[in-house]
Amino acid sequence: MASPLFFLVCLSLLSLQAVAASFPNQTFNVRPFTIDLSRGVPRMLKLINDTKLPEKPQYPNIGASEGIDLDVLKGLREEWLNEFDWEKEQTYLNTSFNHSTVTIEGLTIHFVHKVSQNPDAIPLLLTHGWPGSFMEFLPVIDPLTEKANTSTDKPVSFNVVVPSLPGIAFSTSGPGNWTLEDTARVFSTLMTDVLGYKTFAAHGTSNGAVLTFSLYDKFNTTTRAAHFPLLPFYSSIPEEIAALEIELSPLEQFEHERAMNWTLNGTSYSSVQILRPNTISLALYDNPVGQLAWMGEKAGESPSVLTHNEILRSISLYYLTDSFMPSVYTYAQEPQFPYKEGIYRRARTDAPMLVSYFKYVIGFWPEDVLRMMGNLVSYRNHEFGGFFAGLENPPDLVDDLREIRDHWTG
């Protein structure tokens, strides 16, 4: 009797055949892909079970002020062992989304691609960051492909493409000197030469936001709109805002203060990953609970709808695909991350730029400063969510992305 996995592969092949008919360049080795990480799950669970954690904190009453809270980590570990079900998650990922891989510049690039039924849909590239994955955008894929209306009542929908960064999940790593600009070039090839989109819009978080700015700036004939929750520049400092005589709203003031605090106190992890990537990678390579502590801390920094199950699914994916080490090296390969571009400058494009801040941001630039970076056409602030907007505040992210239609000339 054929296994469920066999039927999933057949379904993937049929889905791919429908998309492949539009591929203008058949030299690319595009393949359907089915997630099957079940073999590694028993060992992962044994390691989680055998991991010894302290009975009590080293010092009382520190909570999460000096890193992830011990009680939170213990609670997540218990949920991982007793409630989380990788097989259920894997089935959902395989049956709800069409996965493919393609070889570009010698790298295997994994991506999810969902095409809208609307023939006028805008191609949209969504790029995750660290410590995220393609799963960061799963809640917004279906809403974005559905036909809706913008705030000015224009009909809008998207053909959504969500790739995995090189080295993360099912994409292979680039060489040692690989940068986000290289990935931007590869993702541009994915959108244009592989999927056949002459122009597209782009959005990214964390590393993906840095990459999206590269697309917006350097691939400006094909990237014809970009949406940012973060920019690859140093955040505006209080003295700069005062010199420009900019008045901030209470929400903007909160966002600015949080960004300043993050700049001063929240970047120690990136320093370790930039300066000692091998040390932290080897220390946590075969330690799922250690990876949970290191990466899961980032998921609990703001009030949101992000669930424990989502956190555990993400860490499981990283562990089961050996993604932790290559993901850390993306920082070592970009020693100025996240301030790759340094002091802000204007992108070399006239394409529309849209910016959305979710309350618990890690970078902040006032609207007047953003206008110096690109053709700003939309500026929005939200009282809820943070770094992982696709998971923490999906409805507002979807609404903001839909505003691309009002300015789309691609």
Protein backbone atom coordinates (compact mmCIF):
# COMPACT_ATOMS: atom_id res chain seq x y z
CA MET A 1 0.00 0.00 0.00
CA ALA A 2 1.39 3.42 -0.96
CA SER A 3 2.47 5.64 1.94
CA PRO A 4 0.99 9.11 2.61
CA LEU A 5 4.39 10.53 1.70
CA PHE A 6 4.10 9.00 -1.79
CA PHE A 7 0.75 10.72 -2.37
CA LEU A 8 2.17 14.03 -1.14
CA VAL A 9 5.02 13.74 -3.67
CA CYS A 10 2.49 13.06 -6.45
CA LEU A 11 0.44 16.09 -5.45
CA SER A 12 3.58 18.22 -5.44
CA LEU A 13 4.49 17.00 -8.93
CA LEU A 14 1.06 17.93 -10.28
CA SER A 15 1.26 21.39 -8.67
CA LEU A 16 4.71 21.95 -10.08
CA GLN A 17 3.65 20.97 -13.61
CA ALA A 18 1.03 23.71 -13.55
CA VAL A 19 3.60 26.31 -12.54
CA ALA A 20 6.40 24.96 -14.74
CA ALA A 21 4.43 25.75 -17.90
CA SER A 22 5.15 29.43 -17.26
CA PHE A 23 8.89 28.98 -16.72
CA PRO A 24 10.62 30.89 -19.53
CA ASN A 25 14.01 29.26 -18.94
CA GLN A 26 14.08 25.49 -18.65
CA THR A 27 17.82 25.37 -17.92
CA PHE A 28 17.00 25.79 -14.24
CA ASN A 29 16.66 22.50 -12.41
CA VAL A 30 13.32 23.07 -10.67
CA ARG A 31 12.08 20.20 -8.53
CA PRO A 32 9.02 19.57 -6.35
CA PHE A 33 9.94 19.17 -2.72
CA THR A 34 8.33 17.35 0.18
CA ILE A 35 9.47 17.90 3.76
CA ASP A 36 10.47 14.66 5.49
CA LEU A 37 12.46 15.17 8.68
CA SER A 38 10.83 12.38 10.69
CA ARG A 39 13.99 10.32 10.92
CA GLY A 40 15.70 12.84 13.16
CA VAL A 41 12.80 13.42 15.55
CA PRO A 42 13.37 10.53 18.03
CA ARG A 43 16.96 11.59 18.65
CA MET A 44 15.95 15.24 18.98
CA LEU A 45 13.35 14.34 21.60
CA LYS A 46 15.84 12.15 23.47
CA LEU A 47 18.30 15.03 23.64
CA ILE A 48 15.57 17.36 24.86
CA ASN A 49 14.54 14.85 27.51
CA ASP A 50 18.12 14.19 28.66
CA THR A 51 19.09 17.87 28.88
CA LYS A 52 19.67 18.91 32.47
CA LEU A 53 18.58 22.40 33.45
CA PRO A 54 19.25 24.13 36.79
CA GLU A 55 16.65 23.57 39.50
CA LYS A 56 16.55 27.29 40.25
CA PRO A 57 17.96 30.51 38.75
CA GLN A 58 21.52 31.48 39.59
CA TYR A 59 20.13 34.67 41.12
CA PRO A 60 16.51 35.28 42.14
CA ASN A 61 14.17 37.82 40.61
CA ILE A 62 16.17 38.55 37.45
CA GLY A 63 13.43 37.21 35.15
CA ALA A 64 14.27 37.85 31.50
CA SER A 65 16.42 40.91 32.21
CA GLU A 66 19.63 38.97 31.58
CA GLY A 67 18.43 36.53 28.93
CA ILE A 68 15.72 33.92 28.65
CA ASP A 69 13.94 33.19 31.92
CA LEU A 70 14.70 29.73 33.35
CA ASP A 71 11.04 28.97 34.11
CA VAL A 72 10.06 29.96 30.57
CA LEU A 73 12.72 27.65 29.13
CA LYS A 74 11.58 24.80 31.37
CA GLY A 75 7.97 25.33 30.32
CA LEU A 76 8.87 25.29 26.64
CA ARG A 77 10.94 22.14 27.12
CA GLU A 78 7.99 20.37 28.75
CA GLU A 79 5.68 21.44 25.93
CA TRP A 80 8.24 20.22 23.39
CA LEU A 81 8.29 16.79 25.02
CA ASN A 82 4.62 16.38 25.88
CA GLU A 83 2.50 18.48 23.53
CA PHE A 84 4.41 19.40 20.39
CA ASP A 85 3.93 17.00 17.45
CA TRP A 86 6.40 17.34 14.59
CA GLU A 87 4.54 14.81 12.43
CA LYS A 88 1.40 16.94 12.64
CA GLU A 89 3.38 20.07 11.76
CA GLN A 90 5.13 18.36 8.87
CA THR A 91 1.85 17.14 7.41
CA TYR A 92 0.45 20.67 7.63
CA LEU A 93 3.49 22.15 5.90
CA ASN A 94 3.32 19.60 3.09
CA THR A 95 -0.43 19.65 2.47
CA SER A 96 -1.04 23.39 2.83
CA PHE A 97 1.81 24.80 0.72
CA ASN A 98 3.57 24.00 -2.55
CA HIS A 99 7.30 23.55 -1.98
CA SER A 100 9.95 23.51 -4.69
CA THR A 101 13.70 23.69 -4.98
CA VAL A 102 15.78 25.13 -7.79
CA THR A 103 19.50 25.28 -8.48
CA ILE A 104 20.77 28.84 -8.98
CA GLU A 105 24.49 29.64 -9.13
CA GLY A 106 25.20 26.17 -7.78
CA LEU A 107 23.00 26.63 -4.70
CA THR A 108 19.85 24.70 -3.97
CA ILE A 109 17.17 27.26 -3.12
CA HIS A 110 13.99 26.11 -1.43
CA PHE A 111 10.85 28.20 -1.90
CA VAL A 112 7.11 28.23 -1.38
CA HIS A 113 5.09 29.63 -4.29
CA LYS A 114 1.37 30.33 -4.26
CA VAL A 115 -0.31 31.87 -7.30
CA SER A 116 -3.46 33.96 -6.98
CA GLN A 117 -6.48 33.22 -9.13
CA ASN A 118 -6.48 36.89 -10.10
CA PRO A 119 -4.61 37.40 -13.40
CA ASP A 120 -3.62 40.92 -12.33
CA ALA A 121 -1.95 39.76 -9.13
CA ILE A 122 1.34 41.45 -8.19
CA PRO A 123 4.34 39.15 -7.72
CA LEU A 124 5.56 39.52 -4.14
CA LEU A 125 8.82 38.21 -2.67
CA LEU A 126 8.80 37.70 1.11
CA THR A 127 12.22 37.13 2.68
CA HIS A 128 12.72 35.98 6.25
CA GLY A 129 15.60 36.81 8.58
CA TRP A 130 17.26 35.39 11.67
CA PRO A 131 16.17 33.49 13.68
CA GLY A 132 13.31 32.94 11.28
CA SER A 133 12.52 30.77 8.28
CA PHE A 134 10.01 30.56 5.46
CA MET A 135 7.47 29.63 8.16
CA GLU A 136 7.60 33.24 9.36
CA PHE A 137 5.17 34.15 6.56
CA LEU A 138 2.83 31.17 6.50
CA PRO A 139 -0.06 33.05 8.18
CA VAL A 140 -0.08 35.74 5.49
CA ILE A 141 0.33 33.67 2.31
CA ASP A 142 -3.32 32.75 1.79
CA PRO A 143 -4.75 36.20 2.67
CA LEU A 144 -2.30 37.88 0.29
CA THR A 145 -3.28 35.66 -2.63
CA GLU A 146 -6.99 36.31 -2.08
CA LYS A 147 -8.67 39.20 -3.85
CA ALA A 148 -9.20 42.19 -1.57
CA ASN A 149 -9.28 45.99 -1.72
CA THR A 150 -6.80 48.62 -0.66
CA SER A 151 -7.74 51.57 1.57
CA THR A 152 -8.58 53.48 -1.64
CA ASP A 153 -10.79 50.61 -2.82
CA LYS A 154 -8.48 49.29 -5.53
CA PRO A 155 -8.64 45.51 -6.07
CA VAL A 156 -5.43 43.76 -5.01
CA SER A 157 -3.94 40.29 -4.70
CA PHE A 158 -0.46 38.80 -4.93
CA ASN A 159 1.44 35.84 -6.32
CA VAL A 160 3.51 35.06 -3.22
CA VAL A 161 7.04 33.62 -3.23
CA VAL A 162 8.76 32.75 0.06
CA PRO A 163 12.31 31.39 -0.31
CA SER A 164 14.60 30.03 2.39
CA LEU A 165 17.85 31.94 2.85
CA PRO A 166 20.97 29.97 1.87
CA GLY A 167 21.94 27.58 4.64
CA ILE A 168 18.57 27.70 6.37
CA ALA A 169 15.96 24.93 6.23
CA PHE A 170 16.23 23.32 2.79
CA SER A 171 18.47 25.81 0.96
CA THR A 172 22.17 24.96 0.78
CA SER A 173 24.88 27.28 2.06
CA GLY A 174 26.91 29.60 -0.11
CA PRO A 175 30.73 29.78 -0.02
CA GLY A 176 32.53 31.46 2.85
CA ASN A 177 32.51 34.90 1.25
CA TRP A 178 28.78 34.80 0.48
CA THR A 179 26.84 37.95 1.39
CA LEU A 180 23.23 39.11 1.48
CA GLU A 181 23.88 40.98 -1.77
CA ASP A 182 24.72 37.63 -3.35
CA THR A 183 21.47 36.23 -2.02
CA ALA A 184 19.61 39.27 -3.37
CA ARG A 185 21.02 38.50 -6.81
CA VAL A 186 19.96 34.84 -6.54
CA PHE A 187 16.47 35.76 -5.36
CA SER A 188 16.16 38.24 -8.23
CA THR A 189 17.01 35.38 -10.58
CA LEU A 190 14.41 33.22 -8.86
CA MET A 191 11.70 35.81 -9.42
CA THR A 192 12.58 36.80 -12.97
CA ASP A 193 14.39 34.01 -14.80
CA VAL A 194 12.94 31.01 -12.96
CA LEU A 195 9.37 32.10 -12.20
CA GLY A 196 9.08 34.46 -15.16
CA TYR A 197 7.98 37.64 -13.38
CA LYS A 198 9.24 40.70 -15.24
CA THR A 199 8.77 42.89 -12.17
CA PHE A 200 7.93 42.22 -8.54
CA ALA A 201 7.50 43.77 -5.11
CA ALA A 202 9.60 42.78 -2.11
CA HIS A 203 9.34 42.67 1.68
CA GLY A 204 11.76 41.34 4.28
CA THR A 205 12.46 41.10 7.99
CA SER A 206 15.86 41.25 9.74
CA ASN A 207 18.41 39.86 7.25
CA GLY A 208 15.58 39.84 4.74
CA ALA A 209 15.04 43.59 5.17
CA VAL A 210 18.72 44.22 4.43
CA LEU A 211 18.43 41.98 1.37
CA THR A 212 15.24 43.75 0.28
CA PHE A 213 17.01 47.10 0.34
CA SER A 214 19.69 45.64 -1.96
CA LEU A 215 16.95 44.55 -4.36
CA TYR A 216 15.25 47.95 -4.14
CA ASP A 217 18.52 49.81 -4.71
CA LYS A 218 20.50 47.64 -7.11
CA PHE A 219 17.89 45.57 -8.94
CA ASN A 220 15.69 48.58 -9.51
CA THR A 221 14.40 47.71 -12.97
CA THR A 222 12.71 44.55 -11.68
CA THR A 223 12.08 45.37 -8.00
CA ARG A 224 9.36 47.95 -8.51
CA ALA A 225 8.09 48.34 -4.94
CA ALA A 226 9.49 47.53 -1.52
CA HIS A 227 7.97 47.35 1.94
CA PHE A 228 10.16 47.62 5.04
CA PRO A 229 9.72 47.12 8.79
CA LEU A 230 13.48 47.74 9.18
CA LEU A 231 16.20 49.50 7.19
CA PRO A 232 19.93 48.63 6.94
CA PHE A 233 21.09 51.91 8.54
CA TYR A 234 21.92 53.19 11.99
CA SER A 235 18.75 54.28 13.76
CA SER A 236 18.13 58.00 14.09
CA ILE A 237 19.55 59.30 17.37
CA PRO A 238 17.81 61.87 19.61
CA GLU A 239 20.23 64.64 18.59
CA GLU A 240 19.45 64.11 14.92
CA ILE A 241 15.69 64.20 15.52
CA ALA A 242 16.06 67.39 17.57
CA ALA A 243 18.26 69.03 14.92
CA LEU A 244 15.63 68.27 12.26
CA GLU A 245 12.94 69.68 14.58
CA ILE A 246 10.87 66.52 14.24
CA GLU A 247 8.03 65.98 16.70
CA LEU A 248 7.28 62.35 17.47
CA SER A 249 3.89 60.98 18.42
CA PRO A 250 3.69 59.02 21.70
CA LEU A 251 3.83 55.75 19.75
CA GLU A 252 6.81 56.94 17.71
CA GLN A 253 8.52 58.07 20.90
CA PHE A 254 8.04 54.60 22.38
CA GLU A 255 9.41 52.99 19.20
CA HIS A 256 12.39 55.33 19.14
CA GLU A 257 13.26 54.69 22.79
CA ARG A 258 12.98 50.95 22.25
CA ALA A 259 15.23 51.14 19.19
CA MET A 260 17.83 53.13 21.15
CA ASN A 261 17.67 50.62 24.01
CA TRP A 262 18.08 47.73 21.60
CA THR A 263 21.07 49.40 19.96
CA LEU A 264 22.75 49.79 23.36
CA ASN A 265 21.70 46.59 25.08
CA GLY A 266 20.24 44.17 22.56
CA THR A 267 23.05 43.39 20.14
CA SER A 268 25.31 41.16 22.24
CA TYR A 269 24.09 38.05 20.40
CA SER A 270 25.04 39.58 17.05
CA SER A 271 28.52 40.44 18.34
CA VAL A 272 29.04 36.81 19.29
CA GLN A 273 27.75 35.61 15.92
CA ILE A 274 29.90 38.09 14.03
CA LEU A 275 33.11 37.61 16.02
CA ARG A 276 32.90 34.00 17.27
CA PRO A 277 30.48 32.18 14.96
CA ASN A 278 32.27 28.86 15.21
CA THR A 279 32.33 28.86 19.00
CA ILE A 280 28.61 29.43 19.51
CA SER A 281 27.72 27.17 16.57
CA LEU A 282 29.75 24.22 17.83
CA ALA A 283 28.58 24.72 21.42
CA LEU A 284 24.92 24.49 20.40
CA TYR A 285 25.19 22.37 17.25
CA ASP A 286 23.72 19.19 18.76
CA ASN A 287 21.79 20.83 21.57
CA PRO A 288 18.13 21.54 20.74
CA VAL A 289 17.39 23.01 24.18
CA GLY A 290 20.45 25.25 23.84
CA GLN A 291 19.23 26.44 20.46
CA LEU A 292 15.82 27.06 21.99
CA ALA A 293 17.39 29.24 24.67
CA TRP A 294 19.55 31.17 22.19
CA MET A 295 16.93 31.76 19.51
CA GLY A 296 13.69 31.42 21.47
CA GLU A 297 14.68 34.43 23.55
CA LYS A 298 14.13 36.61 20.48
CA ALA A 299 10.57 35.37 20.09
CA GLY A 300 9.47 36.52 23.51
CA GLU A 301 10.51 40.15 23.39
CA SER A 302 7.11 41.68 22.66
CA PRO A 303 3.41 41.04 23.37
CA SER A 304 1.91 39.30 20.34
CA VAL A 305 -0.15 36.40 19.09
CA LEU A 306 3.01 34.32 18.59
CA THR A 307 2.42 30.91 20.17
CA HIS A 308 4.74 28.51 21.94
CA ASN A 309 3.93 25.95 19.26
CA GLU A 310 5.24 28.34 16.61
CA ILE A 311 8.47 28.81 18.54
CA LEU A 312 8.95 25.06 18.97
CA ARG A 313 8.19 24.40 15.30
CA SER A 314 10.80 26.95 14.30
CA ILE A 315 13.52 25.56 16.58
CA SER A 316 12.67 22.01 15.52
CA LEU A 317 13.12 23.00 11.88
CA TYR A 318 16.48 24.60 12.62
CA TYR A 319 17.71 21.59 14.58
CA LEU A 320 16.43 18.91 12.20
CA THR A 321 17.93 20.66 9.14
CA ASP A 322 21.28 21.58 10.75
CA SER A 323 20.49 25.24 10.11
CA PHE A 324 21.93 26.76 13.27
CA MET A 325 25.58 26.97 12.20
CA PRO A 326 25.01 28.38 8.69
CA SER A 327 22.44 30.83 10.06
CA VAL A 328 25.01 32.15 12.56
CA TYR A 329 27.58 32.52 9.80
CA THR A 330 25.28 34.88 7.91
CA TYR A 331 26.26 37.41 10.59
CA ALA A 332 30.00 36.72 10.30
CA GLN A 333 29.69 37.25 6.55
CA GLU A 334 28.07 40.66 7.19
CA PRO A 335 30.22 42.20 9.98
CA GLN A 336 28.28 45.49 9.90
CA PHE A 337 24.90 43.76 10.23
CA PRO A 338 22.29 45.12 10.72
CA TYR A 339 23.83 48.51 9.87
CA LYS A 340 25.19 47.28 6.54
CA GLU A 341 24.71 50.59 4.77
CA GLY A 342 25.96 52.70 7.70
CA ILE A 343 24.66 56.27 7.62
CA TYR A 344 21.51 56.42 5.57
CA ARG A 345 21.53 57.26 1.87
CA ARG A 346 18.95 57.33 -0.90
CA ALA A 347 18.28 54.22 -2.93
CA ARG A 348 18.95 54.53 -6.64
CA THR A 349 15.35 54.05 -7.74
CA ASP A 350 12.06 55.84 -8.19
CA ALA A 351 10.05 52.79 -7.16
CA PRO A 352 7.63 53.28 -4.26
CA MET A 353 8.89 52.54 -0.75
CA LEU A 354 6.46 51.64 2.05
CA VAL A 355 7.41 51.45 5.73
CA SER A 356 5.49 49.94 8.64
CA TYR A 357 6.57 49.97 12.26
CA PHE A 358 5.20 47.45 14.70
CA LYS A 359 5.40 48.74 18.25
CA TYR A 360 8.27 46.61 19.52
CA VAL A 361 10.70 47.52 16.75
CA ILE A 362 14.50 47.32 16.91
CA GLY A 363 15.15 50.21 14.52
CA PHE A 364 13.50 53.59 14.08
CA TRP A 365 13.68 56.45 11.58
CA PRO A 366 11.12 59.30 11.51
CA GLU A 367 9.02 59.76 8.40
CA ASP A 368 11.06 62.78 7.27
CA VAL A 369 14.27 60.75 7.52
CA LEU A 370 12.74 57.84 5.63
CA ARG A 371 12.00 60.19 2.75
CA MET A 372 15.74 60.65 2.37
CA MET A 373 16.19 56.90 1.80
CA GLY A 374 13.72 56.34 -1.04
CA ASN A 375 10.45 57.24 -2.68
CA LEU A 376 8.37 56.96 0.49
CA VAL A 377 4.68 56.67 -0.32
CA SER A 378 3.31 55.02 2.82
CA TYR A 379 4.25 55.30 6.49
CA ARG A 380 2.31 53.40 9.15
CA ASN A 381 2.66 52.61 12.85
CA HIS A 382 0.95 49.81 14.74
CA GLU A 383 0.24 49.43 18.44
CA PHE A 384 0.80 45.69 18.38
CA GLY A 385 3.49 43.26 17.26
CA GLY A 386 7.20 43.49 16.76
CA PHE A 387 10.11 41.88 14.95
CA PHE A 388 8.18 38.96 13.42
CA ALA A 389 5.15 40.83 12.06
CA GLY A 390 4.04 37.90 9.90
CA LEU A 391 3.57 35.86 13.08
CA GLU A 392 2.92 38.61 15.62
CA ASN A 393 0.43 40.80 13.76
CA PRO A 394 -0.56 39.14 10.47
CA PRO A 395 -3.71 41.21 9.73
CA ASP A 396 -1.93 44.57 9.85
CA LEU A 397 1.02 43.29 7.83
CA VAL A 398 -1.36 42.00 5.16
CA ASP A 399 -3.23 45.32 5.06
CA ASP A 400 0.03 47.26 4.75
CA LEU A 401 1.35 45.07 1.98
CA ARG A 402 -1.90 45.48 0.06
CA GLU A 403 -1.20 49.21 -0.08
CA ILE A 404 1.49 48.40 -2.65
CA ARG A 405 -1.31 48.23 -5.23
CA ASP A 406 -2.11 51.94 -4.83
CA HIS A 407 1.40 52.80 -6.03
CA TRP A 408 2.18 49.87 -8.31
CA THR A 409 3.31 50.73 -11.84
CA GLY A 410 5.32 47.57 -12.47
